[in-house]
Amino acid sequence: MAMKKTDLEKNKALKLNNAMKLATADRFGKTAAADPKLDRREQRKLDQAQGLVAFACKLNIELVEELKTRAASHPEGMTGLLNEVIKRGLAG
């Protein structure tokens, strides 16, 4: 018995939907498990052991751009640059 056109289209859509779900599961499941990076909890514990504390503030966009350009050439990146700048500012 032949299927109706609507049933054929419905089956195509179900196959496509299932394929998309499998692709997403692959992308987020396998690669994340194989990634050697620490999860947030482990990273937070390591940071706390080093005496590091997250600190958020709002800055002017021009200042942020200047910090980004200077951090690109700084050996310790943004965190090292900010530590250096803040220490110099508090000392003077």
PDB file of N, CA and C in Angstrom:
ATOM      1  N   MET A   1       0.838  -1.176   0.000  1.00  0.00           N
ATOM      2  CA  MET A   1       0.000   0.000   0.000  1.00  0.00           C
ATOM      3  C   MET A   1       0.892   1.252   0.000  1.00  0.00           C
ATOM      4  N   ALA A   2       0.625   2.161  -0.902  1.00  0.00           N
ATOM      5  CA  ALA A   2       1.418   3.375  -1.050  1.00  0.00           C
ATOM      6  C   ALA A   2       1.088   4.363   0.068  1.00  0.00           C
ATOM      7  N   MET A   3       2.126   5.092   0.470  1.00  0.00           N
ATOM      8  CA  MET A   3       1.926   6.108   1.511  1.00  0.00           C
ATOM      9  C   MET A   3       1.458   7.414   0.889  1.00  0.00           C
ATOM     10  N   LYS A   4       0.735   8.169   1.638  1.00  0.00           N
ATOM     11  CA  LYS A   4       0.295   9.482   1.183  1.00  0.00           C
ATOM     12  C   LYS A   4       1.495  10.427   1.172  1.00  0.00           C
ATOM     13  N   LYS A   5       1.404  11.456   0.368  1.00  0.00           N
ATOM     14  CA  LYS A   5       2.493  12.432   0.273  1.00  0.00           C
ATOM     15  C   LYS A   5       2.769  13.090   1.630  1.00  0.00           C
ATOM     16  N   THR A   6       1.731  13.377   2.370  1.00  0.00           N
ATOM     17  CA  THR A   6       1.925  14.009   3.683  1.00  0.00           C
ATOM     18  C   THR A   6       2.659  13.079   4.648  1.00  0.00           C
ATOM     19  N   ASP A   7       2.370  11.779   4.567  1.00  0.00           N
ATOM     20  CA  ASP A   7       3.066  10.816   5.429  1.00  0.00           C
ATOM     21  C   ASP A   7       4.542  10.713   5.054  1.00  0.00           C
ATOM     22  N   LEU A   8       4.819  10.755   3.746  1.00  0.00           N
ATOM     23  CA  LEU A   8       6.216  10.726   3.302  1.00  0.00           C
ATOM     24  C   LEU A   8       6.971  11.945   3.815  1.00  0.00           C
ATOM     25  N   GLU A   9       6.358  13.102   3.705  1.00  0.00           N
ATOM     26  CA  GLU A   9       6.996  14.338   4.179  1.00  0.00           C
ATOM     27  C   GLU A   9       7.187  14.305   5.697  1.00  0.00           C
ATOM     28  N   LYS A  10       6.233  13.744   6.384  1.00  0.00           N
ATOM     29  CA  LYS A  10       6.324  13.632   7.840  1.00  0.00           C
ATOM     30  C   LYS A  10       7.498  12.732   8.227  1.00  0.00           C
ATOM     31  N   ASN A  11       7.671  11.619   7.515  1.00  0.00           N
ATOM     32  CA  ASN A  11       8.791  10.713   7.784  1.00  0.00           C
ATOM     33  C   ASN A  11      10.130  11.382   7.495  1.00  0.00           C
ATOM     34  N   LYS A  12      10.181  12.149   6.394  1.00  0.00           N
ATOM     35  CA  LYS A  12      11.413  12.884   6.072  1.00  0.00           C
ATOM     36  C   LYS A  12      11.773  13.851   7.202  1.00  0.00           C
ATOM     37  N   ALA A  13      10.767  14.557   7.685  1.00  0.00           N
ATOM     38  CA  ALA A  13      10.994  15.527   8.763  1.00  0.00           C
ATOM     39  C   ALA A  13      11.462  14.827  10.032  1.00  0.00           C
ATOM     40  N   LEU A  14      10.896  13.681  10.355  1.00  0.00           N
ATOM     41  CA  LEU A  14      11.315  12.930  11.539  1.00  0.00           C
ATOM     42  C   LEU A  14      12.760  12.462  11.410  1.00  0.00           C
ATOM     43  N   LYS A  15      13.145  11.984  10.228  1.00  0.00           N
ATOM     44  CA  LYS A  15      14.521  11.546   9.989  1.00  0.00           C
ATOM     45  C   LYS A  15      15.492  12.710  10.135  1.00  0.00           C
ATOM     46  N   LEU A  16      15.119  13.842   9.551  1.00  0.00           N
ATOM     47  CA  LEU A  16      15.972  15.027   9.636  1.00  0.00           C
ATOM     48  C   LEU A  16      16.124  15.499  11.074  1.00  0.00           C
ATOM     49  N   ASN A  17      15.031  15.528  11.797  1.00  0.00           N
ATOM     50  CA  ASN A  17      15.049  15.960  13.197  1.00  0.00           C
ATOM     51  C   ASN A  17      15.941  15.035  14.029  1.00  0.00           C
ATOM     52  N   ASN A  18      15.824  13.737  13.806  1.00  0.00           N
ATOM     53  CA  ASN A  18      16.636  12.771  14.529  1.00  0.00           C
ATOM     54  C   ASN A  18      18.118  12.932  14.184  1.00  0.00           C
ATOM     55  N   ALA A  19      18.425  13.158  12.913  1.00  0.00           N
ATOM     56  CA  ALA A  19      19.814  13.360  12.498  1.00  0.00           C
ATOM     57  C   ALA A  19      20.400  14.603  13.156  1.00  0.00           C
ATOM     58  N   MET A  20      19.603  15.654  13.263  1.00  0.00           N
ATOM     59  CA  MET A  20      20.080  16.883  13.898  1.00  0.00           C
ATOM     60  C   MET A  20      20.348  16.662  15.385  1.00  0.00           C
ATOM     61  N   LYS A  21      19.494  15.900  16.045  1.00  0.00           N
ATOM     62  CA  LYS A  21      19.704  15.612  17.464  1.00  0.00           C
ATOM     63  C   LYS A  21      20.983  14.825  17.677  1.00  0.00           C
ATOM     64  N   LEU A  22      21.244  13.850  16.811  1.00  0.00           N
ATOM     65  CA  LEU A  22      22.454  13.046  16.934  1.00  0.00           C
ATOM     66  C   LEU A  22      23.699  13.885  16.691  1.00  0.00           C
ATOM     67  N   ALA A  23      23.640  14.782  15.728  1.00  0.00           N
ATOM     68  CA  ALA A  23      24.781  15.641  15.438  1.00  0.00           C
ATOM     69  C   ALA A  23      25.085  16.551  16.622  1.00  0.00           C
ATOM     70  N   THR A  24      24.059  17.091  17.254  1.00  0.00           N
ATOM     71  CA  THR A  24      24.252  17.961  18.412  1.00  0.00           C
ATOM     72  C   THR A  24      24.801  17.170  19.590  1.00  0.00           C
ATOM     73  N   ALA A  25      24.308  15.970  19.802  1.00  0.00           N
ATOM     74  CA  ALA A  25      24.795  15.140  20.901  1.00  0.00           C
ATOM     75  C   ALA A  25      26.261  14.809  20.693  1.00  0.00           C
ATOM     76  N   ASP A  26      26.642  14.521  19.466  1.00  0.00           N
ATOM     77  CA  ASP A  26      28.040  14.242  19.157  1.00  0.00           C
ATOM     78  C   ASP A  26      28.914  15.448  19.447  1.00  0.00           C
ATOM     79  N   ARG A  27      28.466  16.602  18.974  1.00  0.00           N
ATOM     80  CA  ARG A  27      29.282  17.807  19.097  1.00  0.00           C
ATOM     81  C   ARG A  27      29.509  18.186  20.552  1.00  0.00           C
ATOM     82  N   PHE A  28      28.475  18.101  21.379  1.00  0.00           N
ATOM     83  CA  PHE A  28      28.608  18.545  22.754  1.00  0.00           C
ATOM     84  C   PHE A  28      29.005  17.423  23.707  1.00  0.00           C
ATOM     85  N   GLY A  29      28.758  16.196  23.360  1.00  0.00           N
ATOM     86  CA  GLY A  29      29.017  15.105  24.284  1.00  0.00           C
ATOM     87  C   GLY A  29      30.427  14.568  24.208  1.00  0.00           C
ATOM     88  N   LYS A  30      30.830  14.095  23.047  1.00  0.00           N
ATOM     89  CA  LYS A  30      32.115  13.418  22.915  1.00  0.00           C
ATOM     90  C   LYS A  30      33.293  14.370  23.022  1.00  0.00           C
ATOM     91  N   THR A  31      33.232  15.490  22.326  1.00  0.00           N
ATOM     92  CA  THR A  31      34.368  16.399  22.341  1.00  0.00           C
ATOM     93  C   THR A  31      34.558  17.038  23.701  1.00  0.00           C
ATOM     94  N   ALA A  32      33.472  17.310  24.404  1.00  0.00           N
ATOM     95  CA  ALA A  32      33.584  17.913  25.730  1.00  0.00           C
ATOM     96  C   ALA A  32      34.214  16.930  26.706  1.00  0.00           C
ATOM     97  N   ALA A  33      33.887  15.642  26.574  1.00  0.00           N
ATOM     98  CA  ALA A  33      34.440  14.636  27.473  1.00  0.00           C
ATOM     99  C   ALA A  33      35.919  14.408  27.187  1.00  0.00           C
ATOM    100  N   ALA A  34      36.331  14.536  25.934  1.00  0.00           N
ATOM    101  CA  ALA A  34      37.727  14.302  25.567  1.00  0.00           C
ATOM    102  C   ALA A  34      38.599  15.529  25.828  1.00  0.00           C
ATOM    103  N   ASP A  35      37.996  16.664  26.106  1.00  0.00           N
ATOM    104  CA  ASP A  35      38.728  17.903  26.321  1.00  0.00           C
ATOM    105  C   ASP A  35      39.461  17.854  27.659  1.00  0.00           C
ATOM    106  N   PRO A  36      40.774  18.092  27.663  1.00  0.00           N
ATOM    107  CA  PRO A  36      41.532  17.998  28.918  1.00  0.00           C
ATOM    108  C   PRO A  36      41.382  19.211  29.833  1.00  0.00           C
ATOM    109  N   LYS A  37      40.627  20.233  29.430  1.00  0.00           N
ATOM    110  CA  LYS A  37      40.459  21.411  30.269  1.00  0.00           C
ATOM    111  C   LYS A  37      39.745  21.046  31.564  1.00  0.00           C
ATOM    112  N   LEU A  38      40.024  21.818  32.591  1.00  0.00           N
ATOM    113  CA  LEU A  38      39.364  21.613  33.876  1.00  0.00           C
ATOM    114  C   LEU A  38      37.942  22.141  33.821  1.00  0.00           C
ATOM    115  N   ASP A  39      37.067  21.526  34.589  1.00  0.00           N
ATOM    116  CA  ASP A  39      35.726  22.077  34.660  1.00  0.00           C
ATOM    117  C   ASP A  39      35.751  23.286  35.597  1.00  0.00           C
ATOM    118  N   ARG A  40      34.672  24.008  35.651  1.00  0.00           N
ATOM    119  CA  ARG A  40      34.633  25.259  36.412  1.00  0.00           C
ATOM    120  C   ARG A  40      34.907  25.047  37.890  1.00  0.00           C
ATOM    121  N   ARG A  41      34.373  23.989  38.452  1.00  0.00           N
ATOM    122  CA  ARG A  41      34.549  23.733  39.879  1.00  0.00           C
ATOM    123  C   ARG A  41      36.029  23.482  40.205  1.00  0.00           C
ATOM    124  N   GLU A  42      36.688  22.656  39.388  1.00  0.00           N
ATOM    125  CA  GLU A  42      38.106  22.380  39.620  1.00  0.00           C
ATOM    126  C   GLU A  42      38.938  23.638  39.439  1.00  0.00           C
ATOM    127  N   GLN A  43      38.625  24.416  38.402  1.00  0.00           N
ATOM    128  CA  GLN A  43      39.363  25.652  38.164  1.00  0.00           C
ATOM    129  C   GLN A  43      39.175  26.631  39.315  1.00  0.00           C
ATOM    130  N   ARG A  44      37.960  26.736  39.853  1.00  0.00           N
ATOM    131  CA  ARG A  44      37.686  27.627  40.977  1.00  0.00           C
ATOM    132  C   ARG A  44      38.500  27.213  42.196  1.00  0.00           C
ATOM    133  N   LYS A  45      38.594  25.905  42.459  1.00  0.00           N
ATOM    134  CA  LYS A  45      39.378  25.424  43.601  1.00  0.00           C
ATOM    135  C   LYS A  45      40.851  25.755  43.435  1.00  0.00           C
ATOM    136  N   LEU A  46      41.387  25.595  42.222  1.00  0.00           N
ATOM    137  CA  LEU A  46      42.784  25.938  41.977  1.00  0.00           C
ATOM    138  C   LEU A  46      43.017  27.440  42.160  1.00  0.00           C
ATOM    139  N   ASP A  47      42.084  28.250  41.662  1.00  0.00           N
ATOM    140  CA  ASP A  47      42.209  29.696  41.822  1.00  0.00           C
ATOM    141  C   ASP A  47      42.165  30.099  43.288  1.00  0.00           C
ATOM    142  N   GLN A  48      41.267  29.495  44.056  1.00  0.00           N
ATOM    143  CA  GLN A  48      41.170  29.808  45.480  1.00  0.00           C
ATOM    144  C   GLN A  48      42.442  29.413  46.213  1.00  0.00           C
ATOM    145  N   ALA A  49      43.043  28.296  45.841  1.00  0.00           N
ATOM    146  CA  ALA A  49      44.283  27.857  46.478  1.00  0.00           C
ATOM    147  C   ALA A  49      45.415  28.851  46.206  1.00  0.00           C
ATOM    148  N   GLN A  50      45.350  29.524  45.062  1.00  0.00           N
ATOM    149  CA  GLN A  50      46.366  30.523  44.729  1.00  0.00           C
ATOM    150  C   GLN A  50      46.027  31.898  45.277  1.00  0.00           C
ATOM    151  N   GLY A  51      44.887  32.018  45.941  1.00  0.00           N
ATOM    152  CA  GLY A  51      44.480  33.300  46.504  1.00  0.00           C
ATOM    153  C   GLY A  51      43.839  34.227  45.480  1.00  0.00           C
ATOM    154  N   LEU A  52      43.358  33.690  44.380  1.00  0.00           N
ATOM    155  CA  LEU A  52      42.738  34.509  43.340  1.00  0.00           C
ATOM    156  C   LEU A  52      41.243  34.641  43.586  1.00  0.00           C
ATOM    157  N   VAL A  53      40.716  35.824  43.311  1.00  0.00           N
ATOM    158  CA  VAL A  53      39.299  36.102  43.491  1.00  0.00           C
ATOM    159  C   VAL A  53      38.777  36.761  42.218  1.00  0.00           C
ATOM    160  N   ALA A  54      37.638  36.302  41.728  1.00  0.00           N
ATOM    161  CA  ALA A  54      37.017  36.937  40.567  1.00  0.00           C
ATOM    162  C   ALA A  54      36.503  38.314  40.971  1.00  0.00           C
ATOM    163  N   PHE A  55      36.716  39.305  40.090  1.00  0.00           N
ATOM    164  CA  PHE A  55      36.316  40.675  40.386  1.00  0.00           C
ATOM    165  C   PHE A  55      35.759  41.295  39.116  1.00  0.00           C
ATOM    166  N   ALA A  56      34.500  41.653  39.142  1.00  0.00           N
ATOM    167  CA  ALA A  56      33.851  42.221  37.955  1.00  0.00           C
ATOM    168  C   ALA A  56      33.566  43.696  38.180  1.00  0.00           C
ATOM    169  N   CYS A  57      33.743  44.484  37.133  1.00  0.00           N
ATOM    170  CA  CYS A  57      33.402  45.900  37.197  1.00  0.00           C
ATOM    171  C   CYS A  57      33.051  46.385  35.791  1.00  0.00           C
ATOM    172  N   LYS A  58      32.443  47.542  35.702  1.00  0.00           N
ATOM    173  CA  LYS A  58      32.065  48.107  34.409  1.00  0.00           C
ATOM    174  C   LYS A  58      33.074  49.187  34.041  1.00  0.00           C
ATOM    175  N   LEU A  59      33.614  49.083  32.820  1.00  0.00           N
ATOM    176  CA  LEU A  59      34.622  50.019  32.345  1.00  0.00           C
ATOM    177  C   LEU A  59      34.164  50.664  31.042  1.00  0.00           C
ATOM    178  N   ASN A  60      34.711  51.817  30.765  1.00  0.00           N
ATOM    179  CA  ASN A  60      34.455  52.525  29.522  1.00  0.00           C
ATOM    180  C   ASN A  60      35.012  51.696  28.355  1.00  0.00           C
ATOM    181  N   ILE A  61      34.319  51.695  27.222  1.00  0.00           N
ATOM    182  CA  ILE A  61      34.713  50.874  26.078  1.00  0.00           C
ATOM    183  C   ILE A  61      36.094  51.253  25.541  1.00  0.00           C
ATOM    184  N   GLU A  62      36.437  52.539  25.556  1.00  0.00           N
ATOM    185  CA  GLU A  62      37.757  52.961  25.081  1.00  0.00           C
ATOM    186  C   GLU A  62      38.854  52.386  25.980  1.00  0.00           C
ATOM    187  N   LEU A  63      38.614  52.389  27.280  1.00  0.00           N
ATOM    188  CA  LEU A  63      39.579  51.831  28.226  1.00  0.00           C
ATOM    189  C   LEU A  63      39.735  50.328  28.009  1.00  0.00           C
ATOM    190  N   VAL A  64      38.637  49.648  27.763  1.00  0.00           N
ATOM    191  CA  VAL A  64      38.689  48.201  27.534  1.00  0.00           C
ATOM    192  C   VAL A  64      39.492  47.889  26.276  1.00  0.00           C
ATOM    193  N   GLU A  65      39.287  48.655  25.220  1.00  0.00           N
ATOM    194  CA  GLU A  65      40.031  48.437  23.977  1.00  0.00           C
ATOM    195  C   GLU A  65      41.523  48.662  24.199  1.00  0.00           C
ATOM    196  N   GLU A  66      41.866  49.698  24.944  1.00  0.00           N
ATOM    197  CA  GLU A  66      43.279  49.965  25.259  1.00  0.00           C
ATOM    198  C   GLU A  66      43.875  48.815  26.069  1.00  0.00           C
ATOM    199  N   LEU A  67      43.126  48.328  27.047  1.00  0.00           N
ATOM    200  CA  LEU A  67      43.603  47.199  27.847  1.00  0.00           C
ATOM    201  C   LEU A  67      43.800  45.955  26.986  1.00  0.00           C
ATOM    202  N   LYS A  68      42.881  45.702  26.067  1.00  0.00           N
ATOM    203  CA  LYS A  68      42.995  44.529  25.195  1.00  0.00           C
ATOM    204  C   LYS A  68      44.241  44.601  24.323  1.00  0.00           C
ATOM    205  N   THR A  69      44.521  45.779  23.774  1.00  0.00           N
ATOM    206  CA  THR A  69      45.699  45.903  22.906  1.00  0.00           C
ATOM    207  C   THR A  69      46.981  45.731  23.709  1.00  0.00           C
ATOM    208  N   ARG A  70      47.017  46.280  24.910  1.00  0.00           N
ATOM    209  CA  ARG A  70      48.216  46.116  25.744  1.00  0.00           C
ATOM    210  C   ARG A  70      48.344  44.690  26.275  1.00  0.00           C
ATOM    211  N   ALA A  71      47.230  44.053  26.589  1.00  0.00           N
ATOM    212  CA  ALA A  71      47.261  42.688  27.109  1.00  0.00           C
ATOM    213  C   ALA A  71      47.745  41.696  26.052  1.00  0.00           C
ATOM    214  N   ALA A  72      47.522  42.008  24.781  1.00  0.00           N
ATOM    215  CA  ALA A  72      47.962  41.117  23.708  1.00  0.00           C
ATOM    216  C   ALA A  72      49.480  40.953  23.708  1.00  0.00           C
ATOM    217  N   SER A  73      50.205  42.005  24.111  1.00  0.00           N
ATOM    218  CA  SER A  73      51.664  41.913  24.128  1.00  0.00           C
ATOM    219  C   SER A  73      52.222  41.645  25.527  1.00  0.00           C
ATOM    220  N   HIS A  74      51.369  41.609  26.530  1.00  0.00           N
ATOM    221  CA  HIS A  74      51.826  41.343  27.898  1.00  0.00           C
ATOM    222  C   HIS A  74      52.055  39.845  28.084  1.00  0.00           C
ATOM    223  N   PRO A  75      53.158  39.457  28.734  1.00  0.00           N
ATOM    224  CA  PRO A  75      53.457  38.023  28.879  1.00  0.00           C
ATOM    225  C   PRO A  75      52.417  37.244  29.693  1.00  0.00           C
ATOM    226  N   GLU A  76      51.745  37.886  30.628  1.00  0.00           N
ATOM    227  CA  GLU A  76      50.759  37.188  31.459  1.00  0.00           C
ATOM    228  C   GLU A  76      49.324  37.479  31.030  1.00  0.00           C
ATOM    229  N   GLY A  77      49.142  38.142  29.902  1.00  0.00           N
ATOM    230  CA  GLY A  77      47.808  38.413  29.389  1.00  0.00           C
ATOM    231  C   GLY A  77      47.090  39.495  30.176  1.00  0.00           C
ATOM    232  N   MET A  78      45.780  39.466  30.077  1.00  0.00           N
ATOM    233  CA  MET A  78      44.937  40.501  30.688  1.00  0.00           C
ATOM    234  C   MET A  78      45.067  40.512  32.208  1.00  0.00           C
ATOM    235  N   THR A  79      45.057  39.336  32.830  1.00  0.00           N
ATOM    236  CA  THR A  79      45.133  39.271  34.292  1.00  0.00           C
ATOM    237  C   THR A  79      46.447  39.856  34.793  1.00  0.00           C
ATOM    238  N   GLY A  80      47.539  39.491  34.160  1.00  0.00           N
ATOM    239  CA  GLY A  80      48.836  40.029  34.567  1.00  0.00           C
ATOM    240  C   GLY A  80      48.932  41.526  34.376  1.00  0.00           C
ATOM    241  N   LEU A  81      48.413  42.007  33.247  1.00  0.00           N
ATOM    242  CA  LEU A  81      48.424  43.438  32.976  1.00  0.00           C
ATOM    243  C   LEU A  81      47.611  44.200  34.020  1.00  0.00           C
ATOM    244  N   LEU A  82      46.412  43.707  34.317  1.00  0.00           N
ATOM    245  CA  LEU A  82      45.572  44.393  35.303  1.00  0.00           C
ATOM    246  C   LEU A  82      46.198  44.368  36.695  1.00  0.00           C
ATOM    247  N   ASN A  83      46.803  43.264  37.081  1.00  0.00           N
ATOM    248  CA  ASN A  83      47.503  43.211  38.370  1.00  0.00           C
ATOM    249  C   ASN A  83      48.590  44.277  38.435  1.00  0.00           C
ATOM    250  N   GLU A  84      49.360  44.372  37.369  1.00  0.00           N
ATOM    251  CA  GLU A  84      50.451  45.341  37.317  1.00  0.00           C
ATOM    252  C   GLU A  84      49.942  46.777  37.371  1.00  0.00           C
ATOM    253  N   VAL A  85      48.933  47.088  36.572  1.00  0.00           N
ATOM    254  CA  VAL A  85      48.391  48.448  36.498  1.00  0.00           C
ATOM    255  C   VAL A  85      47.759  48.850  37.831  1.00  0.00           C
ATOM    256  N   ILE A  86      46.998  47.957  38.437  1.00  0.00           N
ATOM    257  CA  ILE A  86      46.326  48.284  39.698  1.00  0.00           C
ATOM    258  C   ILE A  86      47.346  48.462  40.810  1.00  0.00           C
ATOM    259  N   LYS A  87      48.364  47.615  40.878  1.00  0.00           N
ATOM    260  CA  LYS A  87      49.408  47.769  41.913  1.00  0.00           C
ATOM    261  C   LYS A  87      50.124  49.107  41.756  1.00  0.00           C
ATOM    262  N   ARG A  88      50.457  49.472  40.509  1.00  0.00           N
ATOM    263  CA  ARG A  88      51.111  50.751  40.279  1.00  0.00           C
ATOM    264  C   ARG A  88      50.200  51.903  40.688  1.00  0.00           C
ATOM    265  N   GLY A  89      48.919  51.799  40.368  1.00  0.00           N
ATOM    266  CA  GLY A  89      47.965  52.854  40.707  1.00  0.00           C
ATOM    267  C   GLY A  89      47.771  52.994  42.217  1.00  0.00           C
ATOM    268  N   LEU A  90      47.738  51.887  42.927  1.00  0.00           N
ATOM    269  CA  LEU A  90      47.556  51.947  44.388  1.00  0.00           C
ATOM    270  C   LEU A  90      48.812  52.408  45.105  1.00  0.00           C
ATOM    271  N   ALA A  91      49.977  52.162  44.528  1.00  0.00           N
ATOM    272  CA  ALA A  91      51.232  52.556  45.165  1.00  0.00           C
ATOM    273  C   ALA A  91      51.441  54.080  45.070  1.00  0.00           C
ATOM    274  N   GLY A  92      50.926  54.707  44.028  1.00  0.00           N
ATOM    275  CA  GLY A  92      51.218  56.122  43.808  1.00  0.00           C
ATOM    276  C   GLY A  92      50.208  57.058  44.281  1.00  0.00           C
TER     277      GLY A  92
END
